[in-house]
Amino acid sequence: LLSVNVGKEHAIRNGKPSGKTGIYKMSVTTPVEVTHLGLAG
């Protein structure tokens, strides 16, 4: 595993109608919990 990446809410233009996305993910170095619905945070 090279990197664990978590995305916060981010404004995006010309994307989906909501104008928000989580695609901008940043690498984190601390342990991250993985649940049945995905990565915490």
Full PDB file with SEQRES, HELIX, SHEET, SSBOND, CRYST1, ORIGX, SCALE, CONECT and MASTER records, all heavy atoms in Angstrom:
SEQRES   1 A   41  LEU LEU SER VAL ASN VAL GLY LYS GLU HIS ALA ILE ARG          
SEQRES   2 A   41  ASN GLY LYS PRO SER GLY LYS THR GLY ILE TYR LYS MET          
SEQRES   3 A   41  SER VAL THR THR PRO VAL GLU VAL THR HIS LEU GLY LEU          
SEQRES   4 A   41  ALA GLY                                                      
SHEET    1 AA1 2 VAL A   4  GLY A   7  0                                        
SHEET    2 AA1 2 LYS A  25  VAL A  28 -1                                        
SHEET    1 AA2 2 HIS A  10  ALA A  11  0                                        
SHEET    2 AA2 2 LYS A  20  THR A  21 -1                                        
SHEET    1 AA3 2 VAL A  34  THR A  35  0                                        
SHEET    2 AA3 2 GLY A  38  LEU A  39 -1                                        
CRYST1    1.000    1.000    1.000  90.00  90.00  90.00 P 1           1          
ORIGX1      1.000000  0.000000  0.000000        0.00000                         
ORIGX2      0.000000  1.000000  0.000000        0.00000                         
ORIGX3      0.000000  0.000000  1.000000        0.00000                         
SCALE1      1.000000  0.000000  0.000000        0.00000                         
SCALE2      0.000000  1.000000  0.000000        0.00000                         
SCALE3      0.000000  0.000000  1.000000        0.00000                         
ATOM      1  N   LEU A   1       0.845  -1.181   0.000  1.00  0.00           N  
ATOM      2  CA  LEU A   1       0.000   0.000   0.000  1.00  0.00           C  
ATOM      3  C   LEU A   1       0.888   1.242   0.000  1.00  0.00           C  
ATOM      4  O   LEU A   1       1.588   1.512   0.981  1.00  0.00           O  
ATOM      5  CB  LEU A   1      -0.921  -0.018   1.217  1.00  0.00           C  
ATOM      6  CG  LEU A   1      -1.930   1.127   1.348  1.00  0.00           C  
ATOM      7  CD1 LEU A   1      -2.830   1.211   0.134  1.00  0.00           C  
ATOM      8  CD2 LEU A   1      -2.758   0.953   2.622  1.00  0.00           C  
ATOM      9  N   LEU A   2       0.872   1.972  -1.098  1.00  0.00           N  
ATOM     10  CA  LEU A   2       1.711   3.160  -1.216  1.00  0.00           C  
ATOM     11  C   LEU A   2       1.112   4.369  -0.524  1.00  0.00           C  
ATOM     12  O   LEU A   2       1.833   5.184   0.057  1.00  0.00           O  
ATOM     13  CB  LEU A   2       1.937   3.496  -2.699  1.00  0.00           C  
ATOM     14  CG  LEU A   2       2.824   2.563  -3.505  1.00  0.00           C  
ATOM     15  CD1 LEU A   2       2.926   3.068  -4.936  1.00  0.00           C  
ATOM     16  CD2 LEU A   2       4.214   2.483  -2.888  1.00  0.00           C  
ATOM     17  N   SER A   3      -0.202   4.507  -0.603  1.00  0.00           N  
ATOM     18  CA  SER A   3      -0.828   5.713  -0.067  1.00  0.00           C  
ATOM     19  C   SER A   3      -2.286   5.451   0.284  1.00  0.00           C  
ATOM     20  O   SER A   3      -2.985   4.706  -0.409  1.00  0.00           O  
ATOM     21  CB  SER A   3      -0.753   6.851  -1.108  1.00  0.00           C  
ATOM     22  OG  SER A   3      -1.312   8.035  -0.608  1.00  0.00           O  
ATOM     23  N   VAL A   4      -2.715   6.065   1.385  1.00  0.00           N  
ATOM     24  CA  VAL A   4      -4.121   6.080   1.782  1.00  0.00           C  
ATOM     25  C   VAL A   4      -4.616   7.502   1.558  1.00  0.00           C  
ATOM     26  O   VAL A   4      -4.012   8.462   2.056  1.00  0.00           O  
ATOM     27  CB  VAL A   4      -4.290   5.677   3.262  1.00  0.00           C  
ATOM     28  CG1 VAL A   4      -5.761   5.706   3.654  1.00  0.00           C  
ATOM     29  CG2 VAL A   4      -3.683   4.302   3.511  1.00  0.00           C  
ATOM     30  N   ASN A   5      -5.719   7.655   0.816  1.00  0.00           N  
ATOM     31  CA  ASN A   5      -6.150   8.975   0.366  1.00  0.00           C  
ATOM     32  C   ASN A   5      -7.590   9.251   0.788  1.00  0.00           C  
ATOM     33  O   ASN A   5      -8.479   8.435   0.548  1.00  0.00           O  
ATOM     34  CB  ASN A   5      -6.032   9.067  -1.158  1.00  0.00           C  
ATOM     35  CG  ASN A   5      -4.695   8.534  -1.652  1.00  0.00           C  
ATOM     36  OD1 ASN A   5      -3.645   9.010  -1.254  1.00  0.00           O  
ATOM     37  ND2 ASN A   5      -4.742   7.511  -2.496  1.00  0.00           N  
ATOM     38  N   VAL A   6      -7.787  10.402   1.397  1.00  0.00           N  
ATOM     39  CA  VAL A   6      -9.100  10.795   1.912  1.00  0.00           C  
ATOM     40  C   VAL A   6      -9.483  12.140   1.314  1.00  0.00           C  
ATOM     41  O   VAL A   6      -8.657  13.049   1.233  1.00  0.00           O  
ATOM     42  CB  VAL A   6      -9.070  10.879   3.453  1.00  0.00           C  
ATOM     43  CG1 VAL A   6     -10.393  11.406   3.984  1.00  0.00           C  
ATOM     44  CG2 VAL A   6      -8.766   9.505   4.047  1.00  0.00           C  
ATOM     45  N   GLY A   7     -10.739  12.264   0.897  1.00  0.00           N  
ATOM     46  CA  GLY A   7     -11.210  13.499   0.279  1.00  0.00           C  
ATOM     47  C   GLY A   7     -12.202  14.244   1.146  1.00  0.00           C  
ATOM     48  O   GLY A   7     -13.124  13.643   1.707  1.00  0.00           O  
ATOM     49  N   LYS A   8     -12.017  15.545   1.243  1.00  0.00           N  
ATOM     50  CA  LYS A   8     -12.973  16.412   1.919  1.00  0.00           C  
ATOM     51  C   LYS A   8     -13.916  17.030   0.881  1.00  0.00           C  
ATOM     52  O   LYS A   8     -13.665  16.969  -0.323  1.00  0.00           O  
ATOM     53  CB  LYS A   8     -12.249  17.517   2.691  1.00  0.00           C  
ATOM     54  CG  LYS A   8     -11.233  17.007   3.704  1.00  0.00           C  
ATOM     55  CD  LYS A   8     -11.893  16.146   4.772  1.00  0.00           C  
ATOM     56  CE  LYS A   8     -10.878  15.689   5.815  1.00  0.00           C  
ATOM     57  NZ  LYS A   8     -11.492  14.801   6.836  1.00  0.00           N  
ATOM     58  N   GLU A   9     -14.997  17.624   1.355  1.00  0.00           N  
ATOM     59  CA  GLU A   9     -15.926  18.305   0.454  1.00  0.00           C  
ATOM     60  C   GLU A   9     -15.196  19.449  -0.248  1.00  0.00           C  
ATOM     61  O   GLU A   9     -14.509  20.250   0.378  1.00  0.00           O  
ATOM     62  CB  GLU A   9     -17.110  18.842   1.247  1.00  0.00           C  
ATOM     63  CG  GLU A   9     -18.154  19.548   0.394  1.00  0.00           C  
ATOM     64  CD  GLU A   9     -19.323  20.044   1.230  1.00  0.00           C  
ATOM     65  OE1 GLU A   9     -19.856  19.234   2.019  1.00  0.00           O  
ATOM     66  OE2 GLU A   9     -19.679  21.229   1.097  1.00  0.00           O  
ATOM     67  N   HIS A  10     -15.340  19.509  -1.567  1.00  0.00           N  
ATOM     68  CA  HIS A  10     -14.599  20.477  -2.373  1.00  0.00           C  
ATOM     69  C   HIS A  10     -15.532  21.030  -3.443  1.00  0.00           C  
ATOM     70  O   HIS A  10     -16.223  20.283  -4.125  1.00  0.00           O  
ATOM     71  CB  HIS A  10     -13.398  19.778  -3.027  1.00  0.00           C  
ATOM     72  CG  HIS A  10     -12.380  20.695  -3.627  1.00  0.00           C  
ATOM     73  ND1 HIS A  10     -12.609  21.408  -4.786  1.00  0.00           N  
ATOM     74  CD2 HIS A  10     -11.123  21.015  -3.216  1.00  0.00           C  
ATOM     75  CE1 HIS A  10     -11.525  22.108  -5.072  1.00  0.00           C  
ATOM     76  NE2 HIS A  10     -10.605  21.898  -4.135  1.00  0.00           N  
ATOM     77  N   ALA A  11     -15.534  22.349  -3.599  1.00  0.00           N  
ATOM     78  CA  ALA A  11     -16.341  22.967  -4.647  1.00  0.00           C  
ATOM     79  C   ALA A  11     -15.745  22.632  -6.012  1.00  0.00           C  
ATOM     80  O   ALA A  11     -14.529  22.537  -6.173  1.00  0.00           O  
ATOM     81  CB  ALA A  11     -16.395  24.478  -4.455  1.00  0.00           C  
ATOM     82  N   ILE A  12     -16.617  22.432  -6.992  1.00  0.00           N  
ATOM     83  CA  ILE A  12     -16.155  22.109  -8.339  1.00  0.00           C  
ATOM     84  C   ILE A  12     -17.077  22.763  -9.358  1.00  0.00           C  
ATOM     85  O   ILE A  12     -18.309  22.721  -9.224  1.00  0.00           O  
ATOM     86  CB  ILE A  12     -16.094  20.578  -8.546  1.00  0.00           C  
ATOM     87  CG1 ILE A  12     -15.450  20.228  -9.888  1.00  0.00           C  
ATOM     88  CG2 ILE A  12     -17.469  19.944  -8.410  1.00  0.00           C  
ATOM     89  CD1 ILE A  12     -15.143  18.745 -10.045  1.00  0.00           C  
ATOM     90  N   ARG A  13     -16.504  23.367 -10.373  1.00  0.00           N  
ATOM     91  CA  ARG A  13     -17.280  23.983 -11.447  1.00  0.00           C  
ATOM     92  C   ARG A  13     -17.379  23.023 -12.621  1.00  0.00           C  
ATOM     93  O   ARG A  13     -16.459  22.256 -12.893  1.00  0.00           O  
ATOM     94  CB  ARG A  13     -16.618  25.280 -11.903  1.00  0.00           C  
ATOM     95  CG  ARG A  13     -16.619  26.396 -10.857  1.00  0.00           C  
ATOM     96  CD  ARG A  13     -16.029  27.666 -11.429  1.00  0.00           C  
ATOM     97  NE  ARG A  13     -16.051  28.753 -10.462  1.00  0.00           N  
ATOM     98  CZ  ARG A  13     -15.617  29.982 -10.712  1.00  0.00           C  
ATOM     99  NH1 ARG A  13     -15.110  30.277 -11.898  1.00  0.00           N  
ATOM    100  NH2 ARG A  13     -15.670  30.906  -9.777  1.00  0.00           N  
ATOM    101  N   ASN A  14     -18.513  23.104 -13.312  1.00  0.00           N  
ATOM    102  CA  ASN A  14     -18.740  22.308 -14.521  1.00  0.00           C  
ATOM    103  C   ASN A  14     -18.716  20.806 -14.251  1.00  0.00           C  
ATOM    104  O   ASN A  14     -18.479  20.008 -15.157  1.00  0.00           O  
ATOM    105  CB  ASN A  14     -17.688  22.655 -15.593  1.00  0.00           C  
ATOM    106  CG  ASN A  14     -17.676  24.119 -15.929  1.00  0.00           C  
ATOM    107  OD1 ASN A  14     -18.725  24.753 -16.050  1.00  0.00           O  
ATOM    108  ND2 ASN A  14     -16.483  24.693 -16.056  1.00  0.00           N  
ATOM    109  N   GLY A  15     -18.951  20.427 -12.993  1.00  0.00           N  
ATOM    110  CA  GLY A  15     -19.038  19.013 -12.656  1.00  0.00           C  
ATOM    111  C   GLY A  15     -20.487  18.596 -12.518  1.00  0.00           C  
ATOM    112  O   GLY A  15     -21.344  18.958 -13.326  1.00  0.00           O  
ATOM    113  N   LYS A  16     -20.783  17.829 -11.475  1.00  0.00           N  
ATOM    114  CA  LYS A  16     -22.152  17.397 -11.233  1.00  0.00           C  
ATOM    115  C   LYS A  16     -22.984  18.569 -10.698  1.00  0.00           C  
ATOM    116  O   LYS A  16     -22.440  19.563 -10.199  1.00  0.00           O  
ATOM    117  CB  LYS A  16     -22.153  16.232 -10.248  1.00  0.00           C  
ATOM    118  CG  LYS A  16     -21.505  14.968 -10.816  1.00  0.00           C  
ATOM    119  CD  LYS A  16     -22.292  14.421 -11.990  1.00  0.00           C  
ATOM    120  CE  LYS A  16     -21.669  13.163 -12.577  1.00  0.00           C  
ATOM    121  NZ  LYS A  16     -21.780  11.998 -11.718  1.00  0.00           N  
ATOM    122  N   PRO A  17     -24.337  18.489 -10.777  1.00  0.00           N  
ATOM    123  CA  PRO A  17     -25.210  19.613 -10.397  1.00  0.00           C  
ATOM    124  C   PRO A  17     -25.015  20.127  -8.981  1.00  0.00           C  
ATOM    125  O   PRO A  17     -25.252  21.308  -8.721  1.00  0.00           O  
ATOM    126  CB  PRO A  17     -26.614  19.023 -10.578  1.00  0.00           C  
ATOM    127  CG  PRO A  17     -26.455  17.982 -11.644  1.00  0.00           C  
ATOM    128  CD  PRO A  17     -25.111  17.384 -11.384  1.00  0.00           C  
ATOM    129  N   SER A  18     -24.580  19.292  -8.051  1.00  0.00           N  
ATOM    130  CA  SER A  18     -24.422  19.741  -6.670  1.00  0.00           C  
ATOM    131  C   SER A  18     -23.340  20.794  -6.523  1.00  0.00           C  
ATOM    132  O   SER A  18     -23.342  21.582  -5.574  1.00  0.00           O  
ATOM    133  CB  SER A  18     -24.082  18.553  -5.765  1.00  0.00           C  
ATOM    134  OG  SER A  18     -22.771  18.084  -6.025  1.00  0.00           O  
ATOM    135  N   GLY A  19     -22.395  20.820  -7.476  1.00  0.00           N  
ATOM    136  CA  GLY A  19     -21.293  21.759  -7.391  1.00  0.00           C  
ATOM    137  C   GLY A  19     -20.257  21.378  -6.351  1.00  0.00           C  
ATOM    138  O   GLY A  19     -19.369  22.181  -6.034  1.00  0.00           O  
ATOM    139  N   LYS A  20     -20.350  20.157  -5.822  1.00  0.00           N  
ATOM    140  CA  LYS A  20     -19.417  19.694  -4.801  1.00  0.00           C  
ATOM    141  C   LYS A  20     -18.914  18.302  -5.157  1.00  0.00           C  
ATOM    142  O   LYS A  20     -19.595  17.528  -5.824  1.00  0.00           O  
ATOM    143  CB  LYS A  20     -20.095  19.666  -3.434  1.00  0.00           C  
ATOM    144  CG  LYS A  20     -20.620  21.025  -2.960  1.00  0.00           C  
ATOM    145  CD  LYS A  20     -21.366  20.894  -1.644  1.00  0.00           C  
ATOM    146  CE  LYS A  20     -21.925  22.247  -1.206  1.00  0.00           C  
ATOM    147  NZ  LYS A  20     -22.703  22.128   0.063  1.00  0.00           N  
ATOM    148  N   THR A  21     -17.727  17.987  -4.696  1.00  0.00           N  
ATOM    149  CA  THR A  21     -17.134  16.693  -4.994  1.00  0.00           C  
ATOM    150  C   THR A  21     -16.204  16.266  -3.868  1.00  0.00           C  
ATOM    151  O   THR A  21     -15.721  17.088  -3.092  1.00  0.00           O  
ATOM    152  CB  THR A  21     -16.336  16.750  -6.318  1.00  0.00           C  
ATOM    153  OG1 THR A  21     -15.803  15.458  -6.606  1.00  0.00           O  
ATOM    154  CG2 THR A  21     -15.186  17.748  -6.220  1.00  0.00           C  
ATOM    155  N   GLY A  22     -15.928  14.967  -3.827  1.00  0.00           N  
ATOM    156  CA  GLY A  22     -14.940  14.431  -2.906  1.00  0.00           C  
ATOM    157  C   GLY A  22     -13.754  13.833  -3.646  1.00  0.00           C  
ATOM    158  O   GLY A  22     -12.963  13.101  -3.061  1.00  0.00           O  
ATOM    159  N   ILE A  23     -13.607  14.152  -4.943  1.00  0.00           N  
ATOM    160  CA  ILE A  23     -12.582  13.524  -5.768  1.00  0.00           C  
ATOM    161  C   ILE A  23     -11.180  14.024  -5.460  1.00  0.00           C  
ATOM    162  O   ILE A  23     -10.198  13.350  -5.730  1.00  0.00           O  
ATOM    163  CB  ILE A  23     -12.902  13.723  -7.273  1.00  0.00           C  
ATOM    164  CG1 ILE A  23     -12.117  12.700  -8.115  1.00  0.00           C  
ATOM    165  CG2 ILE A  23     -12.590  15.141  -7.721  1.00  0.00           C  
ATOM    166  CD1 ILE A  23     -12.479  12.697  -9.576  1.00  0.00           C  
ATOM    167  N   TYR A  24     -11.091  15.216  -4.860  1.00  0.00           N  
ATOM    168  CA  TYR A  24      -9.768  15.773  -4.541  1.00  0.00           C  
ATOM    169  C   TYR A  24      -9.261  15.136  -3.248  1.00  0.00           C  
ATOM    170  O   TYR A  24      -9.494  15.649  -2.156  1.00  0.00           O  
ATOM    171  CB  TYR A  24      -9.848  17.289  -4.412  1.00  0.00           C  
ATOM    172  CG  TYR A  24     -10.149  17.993  -5.707  1.00  0.00           C  
ATOM    173  CD1 TYR A  24     -11.462  18.213  -6.109  1.00  0.00           C  
ATOM    174  CD2 TYR A  24      -9.126  18.423  -6.553  1.00  0.00           C  
ATOM    175  CE1 TYR A  24     -11.747  18.861  -7.310  1.00  0.00           C  
ATOM    176  CE2 TYR A  24      -9.400  19.058  -7.752  1.00  0.00           C  
ATOM    177  CZ  TYR A  24     -10.715  19.270  -8.128  1.00  0.00           C  
ATOM    178  OH  TYR A  24     -10.998  19.907  -9.318  1.00  0.00           O  
ATOM    179  N   LYS A  25      -8.569  14.030  -3.387  1.00  0.00           N  
ATOM    180  CA  LYS A  25      -8.148  13.273  -2.211  1.00  0.00           C  
ATOM    181  C   LYS A  25      -6.684  13.540  -1.879  1.00  0.00           C  
ATOM    182  O   LYS A  25      -5.848  13.683  -2.767  1.00  0.00           O  
ATOM    183  CB  LYS A  25      -8.404  11.783  -2.419  1.00  0.00           C  
ATOM    184  CG  LYS A  25      -9.889  11.489  -2.688  1.00  0.00           C  
ATOM    185  CD  LYS A  25     -10.224  10.041  -2.515  1.00  0.00           C  
ATOM    186  CE  LYS A  25     -11.665   9.750  -2.930  1.00  0.00           C  
ATOM    187  NZ  LYS A  25     -12.646  10.469  -2.104  1.00  0.00           N  
ATOM    188  N   MET A  26      -6.422  13.588  -0.582  1.00  0.00           N  
ATOM    189  CA  MET A  26      -5.082  13.865  -0.094  1.00  0.00           C  
ATOM    190  C   MET A  26      -4.548  12.657   0.680  1.00  0.00           C  
ATOM    191  O   MET A  26      -5.281  11.986   1.405  1.00  0.00           O  
ATOM    192  CB  MET A  26      -5.086  15.086   0.825  1.00  0.00           C  
ATOM    193  CG  MET A  26      -5.577  16.365   0.152  1.00  0.00           C  
ATOM    194  SD  MET A  26      -4.505  16.887  -1.217  1.00  0.00           S  
ATOM    195  CE  MET A  26      -3.014  17.304  -0.307  1.00  0.00           C  
ATOM    196  N   SER A  27      -3.257  12.411   0.504  1.00  0.00           N  
ATOM    197  CA  SER A  27      -2.602  11.312   1.194  1.00  0.00           C  
ATOM    198  C   SER A  27      -2.504  11.605   2.685  1.00  0.00           C  
ATOM    199  O   SER A  27      -2.200  12.728   3.087  1.00  0.00           O  
ATOM    200  CB  SER A  27      -1.208  11.113   0.601  1.00  0.00           C  
ATOM    201  OG  SER A  27      -0.520  10.082   1.265  1.00  0.00           O  
ATOM    202  N   VAL A  28      -2.782  10.584   3.502  1.00  0.00           N  
ATOM    203  CA  VAL A  28      -2.644  10.721   4.953  1.00  0.00           C  
ATOM    204  C   VAL A  28      -1.664   9.654   5.447  1.00  0.00           C  
ATOM    205  O   VAL A  28      -1.573   8.564   4.880  1.00  0.00           O  
ATOM    206  CB  VAL A  28      -4.000  10.580   5.676  1.00  0.00           C  
ATOM    207  CG1 VAL A  28      -4.933  11.714   5.283  1.00  0.00           C  
ATOM    208  CG2 VAL A  28      -4.655   9.241   5.365  1.00  0.00           C  
ATOM    209  N   THR A  29      -0.938   9.971   6.489  1.00  0.00           N  
ATOM    210  CA  THR A  29       0.106   9.067   6.974  1.00  0.00           C  
ATOM    211  C   THR A  29      -0.307   8.266   8.196  1.00  0.00           C  
ATOM    212  O   THR A  29       0.338   7.280   8.532  1.00  0.00           O  
ATOM    213  CB  THR A  29       1.376   9.867   7.303  1.00  0.00           C  
ATOM    214  OG1 THR A  29       1.051  10.875   8.278  1.00  0.00           O  
ATOM    215  CG2 THR A  29       1.923  10.541   6.050  1.00  0.00           C  
ATOM    216  N   THR A  30      -1.368   8.689   8.854  1.00  0.00           N  
ATOM    217  CA  THR A  30      -1.822   7.983  10.049  1.00  0.00           C  
ATOM    218  C   THR A  30      -2.761   6.839   9.663  1.00  0.00           C  
ATOM    219  O   THR A  30      -3.332   6.840   8.571  1.00  0.00           O  
ATOM    220  CB  THR A  30      -2.551   8.942  10.995  1.00  0.00           C  
ATOM    221  OG1 THR A  30      -3.611   9.582  10.274  1.00  0.00           O  
ATOM    222  CG2 THR A  30      -1.599  10.005  11.523  1.00  0.00           C  
ATOM    223  N   PRO A  31      -2.963   5.853  10.536  1.00  0.00           N  
ATOM    224  CA  PRO A  31      -3.896   4.766  10.240  1.00  0.00           C  
ATOM    225  C   PRO A  31      -5.317   5.299  10.013  1.00  0.00           C  
ATOM    226  O   PRO A  31      -5.752   6.230  10.695  1.00  0.00           O  
ATOM    227  CB  PRO A  31      -3.836   3.889  11.495  1.00  0.00           C  
ATOM    228  CG  PRO A  31      -2.509   4.188  12.093  1.00  0.00           C  
ATOM    229  CD  PRO A  31      -2.262   5.638  11.818  1.00  0.00           C  
ATOM    230  N   VAL A  32      -6.018   4.713   9.050  1.00  0.00           N  
ATOM    231  CA  VAL A  32      -7.378   5.123   8.713  1.00  0.00           C  
ATOM    232  C   VAL A  32      -8.296   3.908   8.824  1.00  0.00           C  
ATOM    233  O   VAL A  32      -7.975   2.832   8.304  1.00  0.00           O  
ATOM    234  CB  VAL A  32      -7.457   5.714   7.296  1.00  0.00           C  
ATOM    235  CG1 VAL A  32      -8.904   6.061   6.940  1.00  0.00           C  
ATOM    236  CG2 VAL A  32      -6.582   6.950   7.185  1.00  0.00           C  
ATOM    237  N   GLU A  33      -9.425   4.103   9.471  1.00  0.00           N  
ATOM    238  CA  GLU A  33     -10.386   3.005   9.602  1.00  0.00           C  
ATOM    239  C   GLU A  33     -11.141   2.803   8.301  1.00  0.00           C  
ATOM    240  O   GLU A  33     -11.580   3.773   7.657  1.00  0.00           O  
ATOM    241  CB  GLU A  33     -11.371   3.299  10.728  1.00  0.00           C  
ATOM    242  CG  GLU A  33     -12.331   2.146  10.985  1.00  0.00           C  
ATOM    243  CD  GLU A  33     -13.311   2.417  12.106  1.00  0.00           C  
ATOM    244  OE1 GLU A  33     -13.414   3.586  12.539  1.00  0.00           O  
ATOM    245  OE2 GLU A  33     -13.964   1.460  12.556  1.00  0.00           O  
ATOM    246  N   VAL A  34     -11.293   1.547   7.928  1.00  0.00           N  
ATOM    247  CA  VAL A  34     -12.080   1.176   6.753  1.00  0.00           C  
ATOM    248  C   VAL A  34     -13.298   0.402   7.243  1.00  0.00           C  
ATOM    249  O   VAL A  34     -13.176  -0.671   7.828  1.00  0.00           O  
ATOM    250  CB  VAL A  34     -11.264   0.321   5.770  1.00  0.00           C  
ATOM    251  CG1 VAL A  34     -12.118  -0.026   4.545  1.00  0.00           C  
ATOM    252  CG2 VAL A  34     -10.002   1.050   5.345  1.00  0.00           C  
ATOM    253  N   THR A  35     -14.480   0.965   7.005  1.00  0.00           N  
ATOM    254  CA  THR A  35     -15.735   0.327   7.392  1.00  0.00           C  
ATOM    255  C   THR A  35     -16.385  -0.266   6.148  1.00  0.00           C  
ATOM    256  O   THR A  35     -15.863  -0.162   5.032  1.00  0.00           O  
ATOM    257  CB  THR A  35     -16.682   1.337   8.044  1.00  0.00           C  
ATOM    258  OG1 THR A  35     -17.219   2.205   7.015  1.00  0.00           O  
ATOM    259  CG2 THR A  35     -15.972   2.183   9.087  1.00  0.00           C  
ATOM    260  N   HIS A  36     -17.550  -0.860   6.329  1.00  0.00           N  
ATOM    261  CA  HIS A  36     -18.267  -1.421   5.170  1.00  0.00           C  
ATOM    262  C   HIS A  36     -18.741  -0.333   4.209  1.00  0.00           C  
ATOM    263  O   HIS A  36     -19.118  -0.650   3.067  1.00  0.00           O  
ATOM    264  CB  HIS A  36     -19.451  -2.263   5.641  1.00  0.00           C  
ATOM    265  CG  HIS A  36     -19.044  -3.561   6.279  1.00  0.00           C  
ATOM    266  ND1 HIS A  36     -18.392  -4.564   5.584  1.00  0.00           N  
ATOM    267  CD2 HIS A  36     -19.177  -4.017   7.551  1.00  0.00           C  
ATOM    268  CE1 HIS A  36     -18.157  -5.582   6.391  1.00  0.00           C  
ATOM    269  NE2 HIS A  36     -18.612  -5.275   7.597  1.00  0.00           N  
ATOM    270  N   LEU A  37     -18.716   0.919   4.644  1.00  0.00           N  
ATOM    271  CA  LEU A  37     -19.116   2.028   3.773  1.00  0.00           C  
ATOM    272  C   LEU A  37     -17.929   2.852   3.300  1.00  0.00           C  
ATOM    273  O   LEU A  37     -18.119   3.900   2.689  1.00  0.00           O  
ATOM    274  CB  LEU A  37     -20.128   2.921   4.501  1.00  0.00           C  
ATOM    275  CG  LEU A  37     -21.502   2.292   4.733  1.00  0.00           C  
ATOM    276  CD1 LEU A  37     -22.388   3.221   5.542  1.00  0.00           C  
ATOM    277  CD2 LEU A  37     -22.181   1.951   3.403  1.00  0.00           C  
ATOM    278  N   GLY A  38     -16.710   2.410   3.587  1.00  0.00           N  
ATOM    279  CA  GLY A  38     -15.550   3.101   3.069  1.00  0.00           C  
ATOM    280  C   GLY A  38     -14.635   3.631   4.145  1.00  0.00           C  
ATOM    281  O   GLY A  38     -14.683   3.200   5.308  1.00  0.00           O  
ATOM    282  N   LEU A  39     -13.785   4.589   3.777  1.00  0.00           N  
ATOM    283  CA  LEU A  39     -12.789   5.129   4.686  1.00  0.00           C  
ATOM    284  C   LEU A  39     -13.400   6.202   5.580  1.00  0.00           C  
ATOM    285  O   LEU A  39     -14.147   7.070   5.096  1.00  0.00           O  
ATOM    286  CB  LEU A  39     -11.616   5.731   3.919  1.00  0.00           C  
ATOM    287  CG  LEU A  39     -10.505   4.747   3.501  1.00  0.00           C  
ATOM    288  CD1 LEU A  39     -11.035   3.737   2.505  1.00  0.00           C  
ATOM    289  CD2 LEU A  39      -9.316   5.495   2.943  1.00  0.00           C  
ATOM    290  N   ALA A  40     -13.064   6.155   6.844  1.00  0.00           N  
ATOM    291  CA  ALA A  40     -13.537   7.166   7.788  1.00  0.00           C  
ATOM    292  C   ALA A  40     -13.050   8.548   7.352  1.00  0.00           C  
ATOM    293  O   ALA A  40     -11.878   8.723   7.017  1.00  0.00           O  
ATOM    294  CB  ALA A  40     -13.024   6.844   9.186  1.00  0.00           C  
ATOM    295  N   GLY A  41     -13.966   9.501   7.319  1.00  0.00           N  
ATOM    296  CA  GLY A  41     -13.618  10.866   6.970  1.00  0.00           C  
ATOM    297  C   GLY A  41     -13.608  11.170   5.486  1.00  0.00           C  
ATOM    298  O   GLY A  41     -13.406  12.326   5.092  1.00  0.00           O  
TER     299      GLY A  41                                                      
MASTER        0    0    0    0    6    0    0    6  298    1    0    4          
END                                                                             
